Amino acid sequence: MTPIITYLIIGVTCVVSYLAFNDSALRARLLFVPAQVKDRGESYRFLTHGFIHADFMHLLFNMWALYIFGPYAESAFLAMFGAAFGGAAYLLFYLAAIVASSYITYTRHADNYGYSALGASGAVAAVMWPFIFIQPWAWFIFPPLPAIILGPAYIAYSHYSDKRGTGNIGHNAHLWGAIFGLVAFVVLAASLAPFILQNFFRMLVQPSLPF
């Protein structure tokens, strides 16, 4: 089945990001600026910043990852919610991940007008987990790890990098996006489609590695 919602998210994100590349005023309106959320009530920024990116490479990396992970996540939500509601549930999961990935950042920088953030990385980190549960032994060239190792390693690296506090990458958003994705997906799958978790554990004890 064609992953329509995934392609829709990629298309909208690419269009909005491109427009923001060429319109600094639009970019400023969509950025996640915690201080403006707090002082001006601009809560929409929790969501809109997930549709703009710093540059073309930032956009390309996130959308390529979503292109890989998204179809598996979308199929999982179709299995959980059925054809009528699966697409909408998957879209809601993605949008909720954008918001959830930014909440801790908001609490840290609510009084800092010098801080801003943008990008879909938090949501993409959440979408990574359905892929891991469906294809735990899928192998990645970079980093050279199977999916089941990549997920926990991503959380550990994001936590470590966030604690170091170096660079301009939003490791905190990556961390909480991944945590949200893991917890939300496991709860939903356990409640609505336990066979997803059963298949995951079955595959986990029967490794299929490319060597």
N, C-alpha and C. Protein backbone atom coordinates (compact mmCIF):
# COMPACT_ATOMS: atom_id res chain seq x y z
N MET A 1 0.83 -1.20 0.00
CA MET A 1 0.00 0.00 0.00
C MET A 1 0.87 1.25 0.00
N THR A 2 0.53 2.20 -0.82
CA THR A 2 1.31 3.44 -0.91
C THR A 2 1.22 4.23 0.39
N PRO A 3 2.37 4.62 0.96
CA PRO A 3 2.35 5.37 2.23
C PRO A 3 1.98 6.84 1.99
N ILE A 4 0.72 7.08 1.75
CA ILE A 4 0.25 8.41 1.34
C ILE A 4 0.57 9.48 2.38
N ILE A 5 0.34 9.18 3.65
CA ILE A 5 0.55 10.19 4.69
C ILE A 5 2.04 10.54 4.80
N THR A 6 2.89 9.54 4.71
CA THR A 6 4.33 9.81 4.75
C THR A 6 4.75 10.73 3.61
N TYR A 7 4.29 10.44 2.41
CA TYR A 7 4.63 11.28 1.27
C TYR A 7 4.03 12.67 1.41
N LEU A 8 2.84 12.76 2.00
CA LEU A 8 2.22 14.06 2.23
C LEU A 8 3.05 14.89 3.20
N ILE A 9 3.49 14.27 4.30
CA ILE A 9 4.33 14.99 5.28
C ILE A 9 5.62 15.46 4.63
N ILE A 10 6.25 14.58 3.85
CA ILE A 10 7.50 14.96 3.18
C ILE A 10 7.26 16.11 2.23
N GLY A 11 6.18 16.03 1.45
CA GLY A 11 5.89 17.08 0.48
C GLY A 11 5.63 18.42 1.14
N VAL A 12 4.79 18.44 2.17
CA VAL A 12 4.47 19.69 2.86
C VAL A 12 5.72 20.26 3.52
N THR A 13 6.52 19.39 4.15
CA THR A 13 7.73 19.86 4.83
C THR A 13 8.72 20.46 3.84
N CYS A 14 8.87 19.83 2.70
CA CYS A 14 9.79 20.34 1.69
C CYS A 14 9.33 21.70 1.16
N VAL A 15 8.03 21.82 0.90
CA VAL A 15 7.51 23.09 0.38
C VAL A 15 7.66 24.21 1.40
N VAL A 16 7.24 23.94 2.64
CA VAL A 16 7.32 24.98 3.68
C VAL A 16 8.77 25.34 3.97
N SER A 17 9.64 24.34 4.03
CA SER A 17 11.06 24.62 4.28
C SER A 17 11.66 25.46 3.15
N TYR A 18 11.33 25.12 1.92
CA TYR A 18 11.84 25.88 0.79
C TYR A 18 11.37 27.33 0.84
N LEU A 19 10.11 27.52 1.14
CA LEU A 19 9.59 28.88 1.25
C LEU A 19 10.31 29.65 2.36
N ALA A 20 10.58 28.98 3.48
CA ALA A 20 11.26 29.64 4.59
C ALA A 20 12.73 29.92 4.27
N PHE A 21 13.35 29.10 3.42
CA PHE A 21 14.72 29.37 2.99
C PHE A 21 14.81 30.75 2.33
N ASN A 22 13.75 31.12 1.65
CA ASN A 22 13.76 32.34 0.85
C ASN A 22 12.94 33.47 1.45
N ASP A 23 12.45 33.28 2.66
CA ASP A 23 11.62 34.29 3.30
C ASP A 23 11.95 34.30 4.79
N SER A 24 12.83 35.21 5.18
CA SER A 24 13.27 35.26 6.57
C SER A 24 12.14 35.60 7.53
N ALA A 25 11.16 36.37 7.08
CA ALA A 25 10.03 36.73 7.93
C ALA A 25 9.18 35.50 8.22
N LEU A 26 8.96 34.68 7.20
CA LEU A 26 8.21 33.44 7.38
C LEU A 26 8.96 32.51 8.33
N ARG A 27 10.24 32.39 8.12
CA ARG A 27 11.06 31.54 8.99
C ARG A 27 10.96 32.00 10.44
N ALA A 28 11.03 33.30 10.67
CA ALA A 28 10.96 33.84 12.03
C ALA A 28 9.60 33.55 12.67
N ARG A 29 8.54 33.56 11.87
CA ARG A 29 7.20 33.31 12.41
C ARG A 29 7.01 31.85 12.80
N LEU A 30 7.73 30.94 12.12
CA LEU A 30 7.53 29.50 12.34
C LEU A 30 8.51 28.88 13.32
N LEU A 31 9.61 29.56 13.60
CA LEU A 31 10.63 29.05 14.51
C LEU A 31 10.05 28.72 15.89
N PHE A 32 10.66 27.75 16.55
CA PHE A 32 10.31 27.49 17.94
C PHE A 32 11.14 28.40 18.83
N VAL A 33 10.49 29.41 19.41
CA VAL A 33 11.13 30.36 20.32
C VAL A 33 10.38 30.27 21.64
N PRO A 34 10.87 29.50 22.60
CA PRO A 34 10.14 29.28 23.84
C PRO A 34 9.70 30.56 24.53
N ALA A 35 10.54 31.59 24.52
CA ALA A 35 10.19 32.84 25.19
C ALA A 35 8.97 33.49 24.55
N GLN A 36 8.83 33.37 23.23
CA GLN A 36 7.66 33.94 22.57
C GLN A 36 6.41 33.10 22.83
N VAL A 37 6.60 31.81 22.99
CA VAL A 37 5.48 30.95 23.38
C VAL A 37 4.97 31.37 24.75
N LYS A 38 5.88 31.59 25.67
CA LYS A 38 5.51 31.95 27.04
C LYS A 38 4.93 33.36 27.13
N ASP A 39 5.62 34.33 26.55
CA ASP A 39 5.24 35.73 26.74
C ASP A 39 4.12 36.19 25.82
N ARG A 40 4.07 35.62 24.61
CA ARG A 40 3.09 36.07 23.63
C ARG A 40 1.98 35.05 23.37
N GLY A 41 2.08 33.89 24.00
CA GLY A 41 1.06 32.87 23.79
C GLY A 41 1.08 32.24 22.42
N GLU A 42 2.24 32.25 21.76
CA GLU A 42 2.35 31.71 20.40
C GLU A 42 2.60 30.20 20.44
N SER A 43 1.63 29.47 20.96
CA SER A 43 1.78 28.02 21.14
C SER A 43 1.91 27.28 19.83
N TYR A 44 1.46 27.87 18.74
CA TYR A 44 1.56 27.21 17.44
C TYR A 44 2.99 26.87 17.07
N ARG A 45 3.94 27.59 17.68
CA ARG A 45 5.36 27.36 17.37
C ARG A 45 5.82 25.97 17.81
N PHE A 46 5.14 25.36 18.78
CA PHE A 46 5.45 23.99 19.17
C PHE A 46 5.36 23.05 17.97
N LEU A 47 4.47 23.40 17.04
CA LEU A 47 4.21 22.53 15.88
C LEU A 47 4.91 23.02 14.62
N THR A 48 4.84 24.32 14.34
CA THR A 48 5.30 24.82 13.04
C THR A 48 6.80 24.66 12.82
N HIS A 49 7.58 24.66 13.90
CA HIS A 49 9.03 24.57 13.71
C HIS A 49 9.44 23.24 13.11
N GLY A 50 8.56 22.22 13.21
CA GLY A 50 8.88 20.92 12.65
C GLY A 50 8.77 20.86 11.14
N PHE A 51 8.33 21.96 10.52
CA PHE A 51 8.17 21.98 9.07
C PHE A 51 9.16 22.92 8.38
N ILE A 52 10.12 23.45 9.14
CA ILE A 52 11.17 24.28 8.54
C ILE A 52 12.53 23.72 8.96
N HIS A 53 13.56 24.03 8.18
CA HIS A 53 14.89 23.49 8.42
C HIS A 53 15.95 24.56 8.21
N ALA A 54 17.13 24.29 8.78
CA ALA A 54 18.20 25.27 8.74
C ALA A 54 18.76 25.47 7.34
N ASP A 55 18.86 24.38 6.58
CA ASP A 55 19.41 24.45 5.23
C ASP A 55 18.97 23.20 4.46
N PHE A 56 19.40 23.11 3.22
CA PHE A 56 18.97 22.00 2.37
C PHE A 56 19.44 20.65 2.90
N MET A 57 20.68 20.58 3.40
CA MET A 57 21.19 19.30 3.90
C MET A 57 20.42 18.84 5.14
N HIS A 58 20.08 19.77 5.99
CA HIS A 58 19.27 19.45 7.17
C HIS A 58 17.92 18.87 6.73
N LEU A 59 17.29 19.51 5.78
CA LEU A 59 16.02 19.04 5.23
C LEU A 59 16.18 17.67 4.58
N LEU A 60 17.21 17.51 3.76
CA LEU A 60 17.42 16.26 3.04
C LEU A 60 17.64 15.10 4.00
N PHE A 61 18.43 15.30 5.03
CA PHE A 61 18.71 14.22 5.97
C PHE A 61 17.43 13.78 6.68
N ASN A 62 16.66 14.74 7.18
CA ASN A 62 15.43 14.39 7.89
C ASN A 62 14.41 13.72 6.99
N MET A 63 14.24 14.24 5.78
CA MET A 63 13.23 13.67 4.89
C MET A 63 13.67 12.32 4.34
N TRP A 64 14.96 12.11 4.17
CA TRP A 64 15.43 10.79 3.75
C TRP A 64 15.16 9.76 4.84
N ALA A 65 15.42 10.14 6.10
CA ALA A 65 15.13 9.24 7.21
C ALA A 65 13.64 8.96 7.30
N LEU A 66 12.82 9.98 7.12
CA LEU A 66 11.38 9.78 7.16
C LEU A 66 10.91 8.90 6.01
N TYR A 67 11.54 9.05 4.86
CA TYR A 67 11.21 8.22 3.70
C TYR A 67 11.50 6.74 3.99
N ILE A 68 12.53 6.46 4.78
CA ILE A 68 12.87 5.09 5.14
C ILE A 68 11.94 4.56 6.24
N PHE A 69 11.77 5.34 7.30
CA PHE A 69 11.02 4.88 8.46
C PHE A 69 9.50 5.00 8.28
N GLY A 70 9.07 6.06 7.61
CA GLY A 70 7.66 6.40 7.55
C GLY A 70 6.73 5.32 7.03
N PRO A 71 7.05 4.66 5.91
CA PRO A 71 6.13 3.63 5.40
C PRO A 71 5.87 2.51 6.39
N TYR A 72 6.88 2.11 7.16
CA TYR A 72 6.69 1.06 8.16
C TYR A 72 5.79 1.55 9.29
N ALA A 73 6.03 2.80 9.73
CA ALA A 73 5.18 3.37 10.77
C ALA A 73 3.74 3.49 10.30
N GLU A 74 3.57 3.94 9.08
CA GLU A 74 2.22 4.11 8.54
C GLU A 74 1.50 2.77 8.44
N SER A 75 2.20 1.75 8.01
CA SER A 75 1.57 0.42 7.92
C SER A 75 1.20 -0.10 9.30
N ALA A 76 2.03 0.20 10.30
CA ALA A 76 1.73 -0.24 11.66
C ALA A 76 0.47 0.44 12.19
N PHE A 77 0.31 1.72 11.89
CA PHE A 77 -0.88 2.44 12.36
C PHE A 77 -2.12 1.99 11.61
N LEU A 78 -1.97 1.60 10.37
CA LEU A 78 -3.10 1.02 9.64
C LEU A 78 -3.52 -0.31 10.27
N ALA A 79 -2.53 -1.08 10.71
CA ALA A 79 -2.84 -2.35 11.37
C ALA A 79 -3.53 -2.12 12.70
N MET A 80 -3.14 -1.06 13.40
CA MET A 80 -3.71 -0.79 14.72
C MET A 80 -5.09 -0.15 14.65
N PHE A 81 -5.27 0.77 13.71
CA PHE A 81 -6.50 1.57 13.68
C PHE A 81 -7.41 1.27 12.49
N GLY A 82 -6.94 0.43 11.56
CA GLY A 82 -7.74 0.10 10.40
C GLY A 82 -7.58 1.12 9.28
N ALA A 83 -8.10 0.77 8.11
CA ALA A 83 -7.93 1.62 6.93
C ALA A 83 -8.61 2.97 7.08
N ALA A 84 -9.70 3.01 7.84
CA ALA A 84 -10.47 4.25 7.96
C ALA A 84 -9.77 5.30 8.82
N PHE A 85 -9.07 4.86 9.86
CA PHE A 85 -8.49 5.81 10.81
C PHE A 85 -6.97 5.71 10.94
N GLY A 86 -6.36 4.71 10.31
CA GLY A 86 -4.92 4.51 10.47
C GLY A 86 -4.08 5.67 10.00
N GLY A 87 -4.43 6.23 8.83
CA GLY A 87 -3.67 7.35 8.31
C GLY A 87 -3.75 8.57 9.22
N ALA A 88 -4.95 8.87 9.69
CA ALA A 88 -5.14 10.01 10.59
C ALA A 88 -4.40 9.80 11.91
N ALA A 89 -4.43 8.56 12.43
CA ALA A 89 -3.75 8.26 13.69
C ALA A 89 -2.23 8.41 13.53
N TYR A 90 -1.72 7.96 12.40
CA TYR A 90 -0.28 8.10 12.13
C TYR A 90 0.11 9.57 12.03
N LEU A 91 -0.69 10.36 11.33
CA LEU A 91 -0.42 11.80 11.22
C LEU A 91 -0.45 12.45 12.59
N LEU A 92 -1.41 12.09 13.41
CA LEU A 92 -1.50 12.65 14.76
C LEU A 92 -0.29 12.26 15.59
N PHE A 93 0.17 11.02 15.45
CA PHE A 93 1.37 10.55 16.14
C PHE A 93 2.57 11.41 15.74
N TYR A 94 2.71 11.67 14.46
CA TYR A 94 3.84 12.47 13.95
C TYR A 94 3.78 13.89 14.51
N LEU A 95 2.61 14.51 14.45
CA LEU A 95 2.47 15.88 14.93
C LEU A 95 2.67 15.95 16.44
N ALA A 96 2.15 14.96 17.16
CA ALA A 96 2.33 14.93 18.61
C ALA A 96 3.81 14.79 18.96
N ALA A 97 4.56 14.05 18.14
CA ALA A 97 5.99 13.88 18.38
C ALA A 97 6.74 15.20 18.23
N ILE A 98 6.34 16.03 17.28
CA ILE A 98 6.98 17.34 17.13
C ILE A 98 6.80 18.14 18.41
N VAL A 99 5.58 18.15 18.92
CA VAL A 99 5.28 18.90 20.14
C VAL A 99 6.00 18.31 21.34
N ALA A 100 5.88 16.99 21.52
CA ALA A 100 6.47 16.32 22.68
C ALA A 100 7.98 16.48 22.72
N SER A 101 8.62 16.45 21.55
CA SER A 101 10.08 16.54 21.51
C SER A 101 10.59 17.90 21.95
N SER A 102 9.71 18.91 21.98
CA SER A 102 10.13 20.27 22.28
C SER A 102 9.75 20.73 23.68
N TYR A 103 8.99 19.92 24.41
CA TYR A 103 8.47 20.41 25.68
C TYR A 103 9.57 20.67 26.70
N ILE A 104 10.52 19.74 26.85
CA ILE A 104 11.59 19.95 27.82
C ILE A 104 12.43 21.16 27.42
N THR A 105 12.65 21.33 26.13
CA THR A 105 13.38 22.51 25.66
C THR A 105 12.64 23.78 26.07
N TYR A 106 11.32 23.74 25.98
CA TYR A 106 10.52 24.90 26.39
C TYR A 106 10.75 25.22 27.87
N THR A 107 10.74 24.21 28.72
CA THR A 107 10.92 24.45 30.15
C THR A 107 12.31 25.00 30.45
N ARG A 108 13.28 24.65 29.63
CA ARG A 108 14.65 25.12 29.85
C ARG A 108 14.86 26.55 29.37
N HIS A 109 14.18 26.92 28.30
CA HIS A 109 14.49 28.19 27.64
C HIS A 109 13.31 29.15 27.57
N ALA A 110 12.35 28.98 28.44
CA ALA A 110 11.14 29.81 28.39
C ALA A 110 11.43 31.29 28.61
N ASP A 111 12.55 31.61 29.23
CA ASP A 111 12.90 33.02 29.47
C ASP A 111 14.08 33.49 28.63
N ASN A 112 14.45 32.68 27.66
CA ASN A 112 15.64 32.99 26.85
C ASN A 112 15.23 33.40 25.44
N TYR A 113 15.18 34.72 25.18
CA TYR A 113 14.80 35.19 23.85
C TYR A 113 15.89 34.95 22.81
N GLY A 114 17.06 34.55 23.26
CA GLY A 114 18.13 34.25 22.32
C GLY A 114 18.10 32.83 21.79
N TYR A 115 17.18 32.02 22.30
CA TYR A 115 17.14 30.62 21.88
C TYR A 115 16.03 30.39 20.87
N SER A 116 16.34 29.62 19.84
CA SER A 116 15.33 29.19 18.86
C SER A 116 15.72 27.82 18.33
N ALA A 117 14.75 27.12 17.78
CA ALA A 117 14.99 25.78 17.26
C ALA A 117 14.08 25.53 16.07
N LEU A 118 14.48 24.57 15.25
CA LEU A 118 13.69 24.22 14.07
C LEU A 118 14.07 22.82 13.61
N GLY A 119 13.20 22.23 12.79
CA GLY A 119 13.52 20.93 12.21
C GLY A 119 12.60 19.81 12.66
N ALA A 120 12.54 18.78 11.83
CA ALA A 120 11.65 17.64 12.07
C ALA A 120 12.34 16.48 12.78
N SER A 121 13.55 16.69 13.28
CA SER A 121 14.33 15.58 13.82
C SER A 121 13.64 14.86 14.96
N GLY A 122 12.97 15.60 15.86
CA GLY A 122 12.29 14.97 16.97
C GLY A 122 11.19 14.02 16.52
N ALA A 123 10.42 14.45 15.53
CA ALA A 123 9.34 13.61 15.00
C ALA A 123 9.90 12.41 14.26
N VAL A 124 10.97 12.61 13.50
CA VAL A 124 11.59 11.50 12.77
C VAL A 124 12.15 10.48 13.75
N ALA A 125 12.71 10.96 14.87
CA ALA A 125 13.22 10.04 15.89
C ALA A 125 12.09 9.19 16.46
N ALA A 126 10.89 9.76 16.58
CA ALA A 126 9.74 8.99 17.06
C ALA A 126 9.32 7.95 16.04
N VAL A 127 9.30 8.32 14.78
CA VAL A 127 8.87 7.42 13.70
C VAL A 127 9.86 6.27 13.51
N MET A 128 11.09 6.45 13.99
CA MET A 128 12.09 5.39 13.91
C MET A 128 11.64 4.12 14.62
N TRP A 129 10.87 4.25 15.73
CA TRP A 129 10.56 3.09 16.56
C TRP A 129 9.63 2.08 15.92
N PRO A 130 8.56 2.50 15.25
CA PRO A 130 7.76 1.47 14.55
C PRO A 130 8.61 0.66 13.56
N PHE A 131 9.53 1.34 12.86
CA PHE A 131 10.43 0.63 11.95
C PHE A 131 11.24 -0.42 12.71
N ILE A 132 11.77 -0.04 13.88
CA ILE A 132 12.60 -0.96 14.66
C ILE A 132 11.80 -2.17 15.11
N PHE A 133 10.55 -1.96 15.50
CA PHE A 133 9.73 -3.08 15.97
C PHE A 133 9.31 -4.00 14.83
N ILE A 134 9.27 -3.46 13.62
CA ILE A 134 8.88 -4.29 12.48
C ILE A 134 10.09 -4.94 11.82
N GLN A 135 11.24 -4.23 11.82
CA GLN A 135 12.45 -4.73 11.18
C GLN A 135 13.64 -4.61 12.14
N PRO A 136 13.64 -5.33 13.26
CA PRO A 136 14.68 -5.13 14.28
C PRO A 136 16.09 -5.46 13.81
N TRP A 137 16.21 -6.33 12.81
CA TRP A 137 17.55 -6.71 12.36
C TRP A 137 17.93 -6.06 11.02
N ALA A 138 17.15 -5.08 10.58
CA ALA A 138 17.55 -4.32 9.38
C ALA A 138 18.88 -3.63 9.66
N TRP A 139 19.77 -3.69 8.68
CA TRP A 139 21.14 -3.20 8.88
C TRP A 139 21.31 -1.83 8.24
N PHE A 140 21.93 -0.92 8.97
CA PHE A 140 22.20 0.41 8.45
C PHE A 140 23.67 0.53 8.08
N ILE A 141 23.91 1.17 6.96
CA ILE A 141 25.30 1.40 6.54
C ILE A 141 25.95 2.46 7.42
N PHE A 142 25.20 3.52 7.73
CA PHE A 142 25.71 4.55 8.63
C PHE A 142 24.61 4.95 9.61
N PRO A 143 24.85 4.71 10.90
CA PRO A 143 25.98 3.95 11.43
C PRO A 143 25.83 2.46 11.17
N PRO A 144 26.93 1.73 11.13
CA PRO A 144 26.87 0.30 10.79
C PRO A 144 26.32 -0.53 11.95
N LEU A 145 25.01 -0.45 12.15
CA LEU A 145 24.36 -1.12 13.25
C LEU A 145 23.02 -1.70 12.80
N PRO A 146 22.55 -2.78 13.44
CA PRO A 146 21.18 -3.23 13.19
C PRO A 146 20.21 -2.29 13.89
N ALA A 147 18.98 -2.25 13.42
CA ALA A 147 17.99 -1.32 13.95
C ALA A 147 17.80 -1.47 15.45
N ILE A 148 17.80 -2.70 15.96
CA ILE A 148 17.54 -2.93 17.37
C ILE A 148 18.62 -2.33 18.25
N ILE A 149 19.82 -2.16 17.72
CA ILE A 149 20.91 -1.51 18.45
C ILE A 149 20.88 -0.01 18.20
N LEU A 150 20.52 0.37 16.99
CA LEU A 150 20.49 1.78 16.63
C LEU A 150 19.55 2.58 17.54
N GLY A 151 18.36 2.04 17.82
CA GLY A 151 17.39 2.77 18.63
C GLY A 151 17.92 3.14 20.01
N PRO A 152 18.31 2.16 20.84
CA PRO A 152 18.88 2.49 22.15
C PRO A 152 20.15 3.33 22.05
N ALA A 153 20.99 3.06 21.04
CA ALA A 153 22.22 3.85 20.88
C ALA A 153 21.89 5.30 20.56
N TYR A 154 20.85 5.53 19.78
CA TYR A 154 20.43 6.88 19.44
C TYR A 154 19.99 7.63 20.70
N ILE A 155 19.21 6.97 21.55
CA ILE A 155 18.77 7.60 22.79
C ILE A 155 19.97 7.89 23.69
N ALA A 156 20.88 6.93 23.83
CA ALA A 156 22.05 7.12 24.68
C ALA A 156 22.93 8.25 24.16
N TYR A 157 23.16 8.28 22.85
CA TYR A 157 24.00 9.34 22.27
C TYR A 157 23.34 10.71 22.43
N SER A 158 22.02 10.78 22.20
CA SER A 158 21.31 12.06 22.34
C SER A 158 21.38 12.56 23.78
N HIS A 159 21.23 11.64 24.73
CA HIS A 159 21.31 12.02 26.15
C HIS A 159 22.71 12.52 26.49
N TYR A 160 23.73 11.79 26.04
CA TYR A 160 25.11 12.18 26.31
C TYR A 160 25.42 13.54 25.70
N SER A 161 25.03 13.73 24.45
CA SER A 161 25.32 14.99 23.76
C SER A 161 24.55 16.16 24.36
N ASP A 162 23.33 15.89 24.81
CA ASP A 162 22.55 16.94 25.46
C ASP A 162 23.21 17.37 26.77
N LYS A 163 23.73 16.40 27.53
CA LYS A 163 24.40 16.72 28.79
C LYS A 163 25.66 17.53 28.55
N ARG A 164 26.37 17.24 27.47
CA ARG A 164 27.59 17.99 27.14
C ARG A 164 27.25 19.42 26.75
N GLY A 165 26.13 19.58 26.05
CA GLY A 165 25.67 20.91 25.69
C GLY A 165 26.52 21.63 24.68
N THR A 166 27.16 20.90 23.78
CA THR A 166 28.02 21.53 22.78
C THR A 166 27.33 21.55 21.42
N GLY A 167 27.73 22.48 20.58
CA GLY A 167 27.19 22.56 19.23
C GLY A 167 25.81 23.19 19.20
N ASN A 168 25.25 23.27 17.99
CA ASN A 168 23.93 23.90 17.83
C ASN A 168 22.87 22.89 17.39
N ILE A 169 23.11 21.60 17.64
CA ILE A 169 22.14 20.56 17.31
C ILE A 169 21.23 20.34 18.52
N GLY A 170 19.93 20.21 18.26
CA GLY A 170 18.96 20.05 19.34
C GLY A 170 18.89 18.62 19.84
N HIS A 171 19.93 18.16 20.52
CA HIS A 171 19.97 16.78 20.98
C HIS A 171 18.82 16.48 21.96
N ASN A 172 18.41 17.49 22.71
CA ASN A 172 17.31 17.28 23.65
C ASN A 172 16.03 16.92 22.92
N ALA A 173 15.76 17.59 21.80
CA ALA A 173 14.58 17.27 20.99
C ALA A 173 14.69 15.88 20.40
N HIS A 174 15.88 15.49 19.97
CA HIS A 174 16.09 14.15 19.45
C HIS A 174 15.78 13.11 20.54
N LEU A 175 16.30 13.38 21.74
CA LEU A 175 16.14 12.46 22.86
C LEU A 175 14.66 12.27 23.20
N TRP A 176 13.94 13.36 23.39
CA TRP A 176 12.55 13.24 23.84
C TRP A 176 11.62 12.84 22.71
N GLY A 177 11.98 13.14 21.47
CA GLY A 177 11.22 12.60 20.36
C GLY A 177 11.32 11.10 20.30
N ALA A 178 12.53 10.58 20.50
CA ALA A 178 12.74 9.13 20.48
C ALA A 178 12.03 8.46 21.66
N ILE A 179 12.10 9.06 22.84
CA ILE A 179 11.44 8.49 24.00
C ILE A 179 9.93 8.49 23.81
N PHE A 180 9.39 9.60 23.32
CA PHE A 180 7.95 9.67 23.05
C PHE A 180 7.55 8.57 22.07
N GLY A 181 8.31 8.43 20.97
CA GLY A 181 7.98 7.44 19.96
C GLY A 181 7.99 6.03 20.52
N LEU A 182 8.99 5.71 21.32
CA LEU A 182 9.09 4.37 21.91
C LEU A 182 7.91 4.08 22.83
N VAL A 183 7.66 4.99 23.78
CA VAL A 183 6.60 4.76 24.76
C VAL A 183 5.23 4.73 24.10
N ALA A 184 4.94 5.73 23.27
CA ALA A 184 3.62 5.82 22.64
C ALA A 184 3.35 4.62 21.75
N PHE A 185 4.35 4.21 20.97
CA PHE A 185 4.13 3.10 20.05
C PHE A 185 3.93 1.79 20.79
N VAL A 186 4.73 1.55 21.82
CA VAL A 186 4.58 0.30 22.58
C VAL A 186 3.21 0.23 23.25
N VAL A 187 2.77 1.34 23.83
CA VAL A 187 1.46 1.36 24.49
C VAL A 187 0.35 1.11 23.48
N LEU A 188 0.42 1.78 22.33
CA LEU A 188 -0.61 1.60 21.31
C LEU A 188 -0.61 0.18 20.74
N ALA A 189 0.58 -0.32 20.44
CA ALA A 189 0.67 -1.67 19.86
C ALA A 189 0.19 -2.72 20.86
N ALA A 190 0.58 -2.57 22.12
CA ALA A 190 0.16 -3.55 23.13
C ALA A 190 -1.36 -3.54 23.31
N SER A 191 -1.97 -2.37 23.14
CA SER A 191 -3.41 -2.24 23.35
C SER A 191 -4.22 -2.64 22.13
N LEU A 192 -3.71 -2.30 20.94
CA LEU A 192 -4.54 -2.43 19.74
C LEU A 192 -4.08 -3.52 18.77
N ALA A 193 -2.79 -3.82 18.77
CA ALA A 193 -2.28 -4.84 17.83
C ALA A 193 -1.12 -5.59 18.47
N PRO A 194 -1.39 -6.39 19.50
CA PRO A 194 -0.30 -7.08 20.21
C PRO A 194 0.53 -7.99 19.32
N PHE A 195 0.00 -8.38 18.18
CA PHE A 195 0.78 -9.25 17.29
C PHE A 195 2.05 -8.55 16.79
N ILE A 196 2.04 -7.21 16.76
CA ILE A 196 3.24 -6.47 16.36
C ILE A 196 4.36 -6.74 17.34
N LEU A 197 4.05 -6.69 18.63
CA LEU A 197 5.07 -6.96 19.65
C LEU A 197 5.43 -8.43 19.69
N GLN A 198 4.46 -9.30 19.47
CA GLN A 198 4.75 -10.73 19.44
C GLN A 198 5.70 -11.07 18.30
N ASN A 199 5.45 -10.50 17.13
CA ASN A 199 6.35 -10.72 15.99
C ASN A 199 7.73 -10.15 16.26
N PHE A 200 7.77 -9.00 16.93
CA PHE A 200 9.05 -8.37 17.26
C PHE A 200 9.90 -9.29 18.14
N PHE A 201 9.31 -9.83 19.20
CA PHE A 201 10.07 -10.70 20.11
C PHE A 201 10.45 -12.01 19.41
N ARG A 202 9.61 -12.48 18.51
CA ARG A 202 9.93 -13.69 17.76
C ARG A 202 11.16 -13.45 16.87
N MET A 203 11.18 -12.30 16.19
CA MET A 203 12.33 -11.97 15.34
C MET A 203 13.57 -11.67 16.16
N LEU A 204 13.37 -11.13 17.35
CA LEU A 204 14.50 -10.73 18.18
C LEU A 204 15.35 -11.92 18.58
N VAL A 205 14.71 -13.07 18.81
CA VAL A 205 15.45 -14.26 19.22
C VAL A 205 15.93 -15.09 18.03
N GLN A 206 15.61 -14.61 16.83
CA GLN A 206 16.06 -15.28 15.61
C GLN A 206 16.76 -14.25 14.72
N PRO A 207 17.95 -13.82 15.10
CA PRO A 207 18.64 -12.76 14.37
C PRO A 207 18.84 -13.12 12.90
N SER A 208 18.67 -12.10 12.07
CA SER A 208 18.92 -12.25 10.64
C SER A 208 19.89 -11.14 10.24
N LEU A 209 21.18 -11.47 10.28
CA LEU A 209 22.22 -10.48 10.05
C LEU A 209 22.85 -10.68 8.67
N PRO A 210 23.39 -9.58 8.08
CA PRO A 210 23.93 -9.66 6.71
C PRO A 210 25.33 -10.22 6.65
N PHE A 211 25.69 -11.13 7.55
CA PHE A 211 27.01 -11.76 7.49
C PHE A 211 26.97 -13.10 8.20
